[in-house]
N, C-alpha and C. Protein backbone atom coordinates (compact mmCIF):
# COMPACT_ATOMS: atom_id res chain seq x y z
N MET A 1 100.77 -110.00 -14.50
CA MET A 1 100.29 -110.81 -15.60
C MET A 1 101.24 -110.72 -16.80
N PHE A 2 101.64 -109.48 -17.15
CA PHE A 2 102.53 -109.30 -18.29
C PHE A 2 103.91 -109.90 -18.01
N ALA A 3 104.41 -109.73 -16.78
CA ALA A 3 105.72 -110.28 -16.42
C ALA A 3 105.70 -111.80 -16.51
N HIS A 4 104.59 -112.40 -16.12
CA HIS A 4 104.46 -113.86 -16.21
C HIS A 4 104.48 -114.32 -17.68
N THR A 5 103.81 -113.57 -18.54
CA THR A 5 103.79 -113.90 -19.97
C THR A 5 105.18 -113.79 -20.57
N VAL A 6 105.92 -112.77 -20.20
CA VAL A 6 107.28 -112.60 -20.69
C VAL A 6 108.17 -113.73 -20.20
N THR A 7 107.98 -114.15 -18.95
CA THR A 7 108.77 -115.25 -18.39
C THR A 7 108.47 -116.55 -19.13
N VAL A 8 107.21 -116.82 -19.40
CA VAL A 8 106.83 -118.04 -20.13
C VAL A 8 107.40 -118.01 -21.54
N ALA A 9 107.34 -116.88 -22.21
CA ALA A 9 107.89 -116.76 -23.56
C ALA A 9 109.40 -116.96 -23.55
N ALA A 10 110.07 -116.42 -22.54
CA ALA A 10 111.51 -116.60 -22.44
C ALA A 10 111.86 -118.07 -22.21
N ASP A 11 111.07 -118.76 -21.40
CA ASP A 11 111.30 -120.19 -21.16
C ASP A 11 111.10 -120.98 -22.44
N LEU A 12 110.08 -120.65 -23.21
CA LEU A 12 109.84 -121.36 -24.47
C LEU A 12 110.98 -121.14 -25.45
N MET A 13 111.50 -119.93 -25.50
CA MET A 13 112.58 -119.63 -26.44
C MET A 13 113.88 -120.29 -26.00
N SER A 14 114.09 -120.43 -24.70
CA SER A 14 115.36 -120.98 -24.24
C SER A 14 115.48 -122.47 -24.51
N ASN A 15 114.38 -123.21 -24.44
CA ASN A 15 114.49 -124.66 -24.64
C ASN A 15 114.21 -125.09 -26.08
N GLY A 16 113.97 -124.17 -26.97
CA GLY A 16 113.82 -124.51 -28.37
C GLY A 16 112.41 -124.89 -28.79
N THR A 17 111.47 -124.90 -27.87
CA THR A 17 110.10 -125.28 -28.22
C THR A 17 109.50 -124.28 -29.19
N LEU A 18 109.67 -123.01 -28.90
CA LEU A 18 109.10 -121.99 -29.77
C LEU A 18 109.73 -122.03 -31.16
N LYS A 19 111.04 -122.24 -31.21
CA LYS A 19 111.72 -122.32 -32.51
C LYS A 19 111.21 -123.51 -33.32
N SER A 20 111.01 -124.65 -32.67
CA SER A 20 110.51 -125.80 -33.41
C SER A 20 109.06 -125.59 -33.85
N MET A 21 108.27 -124.90 -33.03
CA MET A 21 106.90 -124.61 -33.43
C MET A 21 106.87 -123.65 -34.62
N LEU A 22 107.74 -122.64 -34.61
CA LEU A 22 107.80 -121.71 -35.73
C LEU A 22 108.29 -122.39 -37.01
N ASP A 23 109.24 -123.31 -36.88
CA ASP A 23 109.72 -124.05 -38.05
C ASP A 23 108.59 -124.89 -38.65
N LEU A 24 107.81 -125.53 -37.79
CA LEU A 24 106.68 -126.34 -38.26
C LEU A 24 105.63 -125.46 -38.93
N LEU A 25 105.38 -124.30 -38.37
CA LEU A 25 104.40 -123.37 -38.95
C LEU A 25 104.87 -122.88 -40.32
N LYS A 26 106.16 -122.56 -40.43
CA LYS A 26 106.69 -122.09 -41.71
C LYS A 26 106.53 -123.16 -42.79
N GLN A 27 106.87 -124.39 -42.44
CA GLN A 27 106.74 -125.47 -43.42
C GLN A 27 105.29 -125.70 -43.81
N ALA A 28 104.38 -125.60 -42.84
CA ALA A 28 102.96 -125.81 -43.14
C ALA A 28 102.41 -124.71 -44.06
N VAL A 29 102.82 -123.48 -43.85
CA VAL A 29 102.34 -122.37 -44.68
C VAL A 29 102.85 -122.52 -46.11
N ILE A 30 104.13 -122.86 -46.25
CA ILE A 30 104.69 -123.03 -47.59
C ILE A 30 104.03 -124.21 -48.29
N LEU A 31 103.79 -125.30 -47.57
CA LEU A 31 103.14 -126.47 -48.15
C LEU A 31 101.69 -126.15 -48.56
N ALA A 32 100.99 -125.41 -47.73
CA ALA A 32 99.60 -125.04 -48.07
C ALA A 32 99.55 -124.15 -49.30
N GLY A 33 100.48 -123.21 -49.40
CA GLY A 33 100.54 -122.35 -50.58
C GLY A 33 100.85 -123.14 -51.83
N GLY A 34 101.77 -124.09 -51.72
CA GLY A 34 102.10 -124.94 -52.87
C GLY A 34 100.93 -125.80 -53.31
N ALA A 35 100.21 -126.35 -52.33
CA ALA A 35 99.04 -127.17 -52.67
C ALA A 35 97.96 -126.33 -53.35
N LEU A 36 97.76 -125.11 -52.87
CA LEU A 36 96.76 -124.23 -53.50
C LEU A 36 97.17 -123.86 -54.92
N MET A 37 98.47 -123.68 -55.14
CA MET A 37 98.95 -123.38 -56.49
C MET A 37 98.72 -124.58 -57.42
N VAL A 38 98.94 -125.78 -56.92
CA VAL A 38 98.72 -126.98 -57.74
C VAL A 38 97.24 -127.09 -58.11
N PHE A 39 96.35 -126.91 -57.14
CA PHE A 39 94.93 -127.02 -57.44
C PHE A 39 94.46 -125.90 -58.36
N GLY A 40 95.03 -124.71 -58.22
CA GLY A 40 94.71 -123.62 -59.14
C GLY A 40 95.16 -123.92 -60.55
N GLY A 41 96.35 -124.51 -60.68
CA GLY A 41 96.83 -124.90 -62.01
C GLY A 41 95.98 -125.97 -62.64
N ILE A 42 95.52 -126.92 -61.84
CA ILE A 42 94.64 -127.97 -62.36
C ILE A 42 93.31 -127.36 -62.81
N THR A 43 92.80 -126.43 -62.03
CA THR A 43 91.53 -125.78 -62.39
C THR A 43 91.67 -125.00 -63.70
N VAL A 44 92.75 -124.27 -63.84
CA VAL A 44 92.97 -123.52 -65.08
C VAL A 44 93.11 -124.47 -66.26
N GLY A 45 93.92 -125.50 -66.10
CA GLY A 45 94.15 -126.43 -67.20
C GLY A 45 92.90 -127.17 -67.64
N SER A 46 92.09 -127.59 -66.68
CA SER A 46 90.89 -128.34 -67.06
C SER A 46 89.83 -127.44 -67.68
N ASN A 47 89.82 -126.16 -67.34
CA ASN A 47 88.80 -125.27 -67.88
C ASN A 47 89.24 -124.54 -69.14
N LEU A 48 90.54 -124.56 -69.44
CA LEU A 48 90.98 -124.00 -70.73
C LEU A 48 90.44 -124.84 -71.88
N LYS A 49 90.36 -126.14 -71.65
CA LYS A 49 89.87 -127.05 -72.68
C LYS A 49 88.40 -126.74 -73.02
N ASP A 50 87.62 -126.39 -72.01
CA ASP A 50 86.19 -126.15 -72.20
C ASP A 50 85.87 -124.69 -72.54
N HIS A 51 86.89 -123.83 -72.55
CA HIS A 51 86.70 -122.39 -72.80
C HIS A 51 85.71 -121.79 -71.80
N ASN A 52 85.87 -122.18 -70.53
CA ASN A 52 85.00 -121.70 -69.47
C ASN A 52 85.68 -120.51 -68.78
N GLY A 53 85.34 -119.30 -69.22
CA GLY A 53 86.00 -118.09 -68.76
C GLY A 53 85.95 -117.84 -67.26
N PRO A 54 84.77 -117.90 -66.63
CA PRO A 54 84.72 -117.64 -65.19
C PRO A 54 85.52 -118.65 -64.37
N ALA A 55 85.53 -119.89 -64.78
CA ALA A 55 86.29 -120.90 -64.04
C ALA A 55 87.80 -120.71 -64.25
N ILE A 56 88.18 -120.25 -65.44
CA ILE A 56 89.60 -119.96 -65.68
C ILE A 56 90.05 -118.81 -64.77
N THR A 57 89.20 -117.80 -64.66
CA THR A 57 89.51 -116.67 -63.78
C THR A 57 89.65 -117.14 -62.34
N GLY A 58 88.73 -117.98 -61.89
CA GLY A 58 88.82 -118.51 -60.53
C GLY A 58 90.09 -119.32 -60.31
N GLY A 59 90.46 -120.11 -61.30
CA GLY A 59 91.69 -120.89 -61.19
C GLY A 59 92.92 -120.02 -61.14
N LEU A 60 92.93 -118.96 -61.96
CA LEU A 60 94.07 -118.03 -61.93
C LEU A 60 94.17 -117.30 -60.59
N LEU A 61 93.02 -116.93 -60.05
CA LEU A 61 93.03 -116.28 -58.74
C LEU A 61 93.49 -117.24 -57.64
N GLU A 62 93.09 -118.51 -57.76
CA GLU A 62 93.53 -119.52 -56.81
C GLU A 62 95.04 -119.74 -56.92
N LEU A 63 95.53 -119.76 -58.13
CA LEU A 63 96.97 -119.90 -58.38
C LEU A 63 97.74 -118.72 -57.79
N ALA A 64 97.24 -117.51 -58.00
CA ALA A 64 97.89 -116.32 -57.46
C ALA A 64 97.82 -116.30 -55.93
N GLY A 65 96.70 -116.72 -55.38
CA GLY A 65 96.57 -116.78 -53.92
C GLY A 65 97.54 -117.77 -53.31
N GLY A 66 97.70 -118.92 -53.95
CA GLY A 66 98.66 -119.90 -53.46
C GLY A 66 100.08 -119.38 -53.52
N ALA A 67 100.41 -118.65 -54.58
CA ALA A 67 101.74 -118.05 -54.69
C ALA A 67 101.96 -117.02 -53.59
N LEU A 68 100.93 -116.25 -53.29
CA LEU A 68 101.03 -115.24 -52.24
C LEU A 68 101.22 -115.89 -50.87
N ILE A 69 100.49 -116.96 -50.61
CA ILE A 69 100.62 -117.67 -49.34
C ILE A 69 102.00 -118.29 -49.21
N ALA A 70 102.49 -118.91 -50.27
CA ALA A 70 103.84 -119.49 -50.23
C ALA A 70 104.89 -118.41 -50.04
N ALA A 71 104.70 -117.26 -50.68
CA ALA A 71 105.65 -116.15 -50.52
C ALA A 71 105.64 -115.63 -49.09
N CYS A 72 104.48 -115.60 -48.47
CA CYS A 72 104.41 -115.19 -47.07
C CYS A 72 105.14 -116.18 -46.18
N GLY A 73 105.03 -117.46 -46.49
CA GLY A 73 105.76 -118.46 -45.72
C GLY A 73 107.26 -118.30 -45.86
N VAL A 74 107.72 -118.00 -47.06
CA VAL A 74 109.16 -117.78 -47.27
C VAL A 74 109.60 -116.49 -46.56
N PHE A 75 108.78 -115.46 -46.62
CA PHE A 75 109.10 -114.22 -45.92
C PHE A 75 109.15 -114.45 -44.42
N PHE A 76 108.23 -115.25 -43.91
CA PHE A 76 108.21 -115.57 -42.49
C PHE A 76 109.46 -116.34 -42.09
N THR A 77 109.96 -117.18 -43.00
CA THR A 77 111.20 -117.91 -42.76
C THR A 77 112.35 -116.93 -42.60
N GLN A 78 112.42 -115.92 -43.46
CA GLN A 78 113.49 -114.93 -43.37
C GLN A 78 113.34 -114.05 -42.13
N LEU A 79 112.12 -113.78 -41.76
CA LEU A 79 111.84 -112.90 -40.63
C LEU A 79 112.19 -113.58 -39.30
N ALA A 80 111.87 -114.86 -39.18
CA ALA A 80 112.05 -115.56 -37.90
C ALA A 80 113.48 -116.00 -37.67
N SER A 81 114.31 -116.06 -38.70
CA SER A 81 115.68 -116.55 -38.48
C SER A 81 116.64 -115.46 -38.12
């Protein structure tokens, strides 16, 4: 069973399918992190006007989470190449 899995993985790596799948995954993770950062920034900006403390905190956490996700995508890019 394990030998078959290794053979399948080697076949995927040899024809470039795995590399193209990893490239697509890296781009999707970075894009998702960027989108989360944008929505976090919008949340912070719209709630600063209203002086809504809990919503500002949520927006800042969303912004930080998006930055962390995007950073993981960039790290994954460095790791896979």
